[in-house]
Amino acid sequence: MTDSHLPAAGLLRRLPLRGLYPAGYRAAHGEEIAAVLAESVRHADRRTALREWSVLAAHALRLRTRLSSRDPAGRVLAGAAPFLLAGGAALGAVHLLTGLFLHSSRTGVVSAAVGAPWGLALLGALLGRWNAARVLVLVAVVASQLRPGAAFGPSADLLDLWAAMGALVLLAPPDAVDFSARNRARAVASAVAVALPMSGIATLWLGTWPENYADVVFPPIQQIALDASTAWPALVMALAYLLHLGSPDSDRLQAVGVALAVLPWTAMAAPPLYRNIPIDAHDLLRNSAVVLGFLAAATAAGVLRRTMRRTRLAGAARSGASGPM
């Protein structure tokens, strides 16, 4: 190793690695871990060496926390990740759009900035750049915790919803996330299906937003429509879960993950702008009932679809076996 690379070697010697792995895995693969790291940084500078170390360290922590691609919890999170990303991007699109229309307000710019990383993350995932997408999700989570508190800023409940989605995406093992062409198409379609109606409602209300919206009493029909619209994102994600569960080649644990991506929508706020609206216990109870109802219906339909497919295949096999030789 040349002198220019000695600092990288010295840095790695000071950083723990094998000790991060579970004892059993370390005993079985300790020498292999060291060899892989040594080979990957043989001609690397400090930055590259640190990046390679961080990849192995993250793998060690996933094994220790049982969130690797070999563990059930890791596979569940891997199934959820594309659709959590899609949901976060849909919310980001709404806030980006309304933030741009609110150009006269400083908080409109802040709101747009909070939502923009989600859309960029989905674009990165669509292009097959999952690592870049994860970095952008991390930026989005950090931005969501800045908590702009002025009028027209995202509500604390919505910021918490974003943060929860982002944390689950970051915890998912990258090597288990299915971003095949079909899954990318489903994730993007889900994001668009959620974002378009929400954006439409939001833009219709621009310019007529009352500062005391939380105290406004709407006519019953209008209030029912506004309350029902909070269920739309959960419905879209439940349909994505149904498609995944009903596929003959679907991984059951990853299907559970898609169902997991529906649950955060219990914290969905009411329109028009999905802003500054506190979610009370009544809202959570109503939303929880709706989300669980969607999941139950999707599960029943998906299981029925798989059962009917197996019955047809078994019947076709019996017919072929009893036919003329």
Foldseek 3Di string as FASTA:
>chain_A
DDPQAVVLVVVVVPDDALVLAPPVCCVVCVVVVVVVLCVQCVPHGNVSSVVVRVVRSLVRNCNVVQLALVHLNLLLLLLQQLQLLLQLLLLLVLLLVQLVVVVVDPLSVLSNVLSVLSVVLLVCVLVVNNVVSLVSLVVNLVSLVVDDPDPPHAAVLVSVLSNVSSVSNNSHHVVNRDSDVVSSVLSNVLSCQLNPVLNVLQVVCPPVDDPVVQPDDDPPVVVVVQLVNLCRSLLSLLVVLLVQLQDPPHDVSSSSSSLVNSVSSLSQDTDDSNHPHDQDPVSSVVSVVSNVVSNVVSVVNSVVNNVVVVVVVVVVVVCVVPDDD
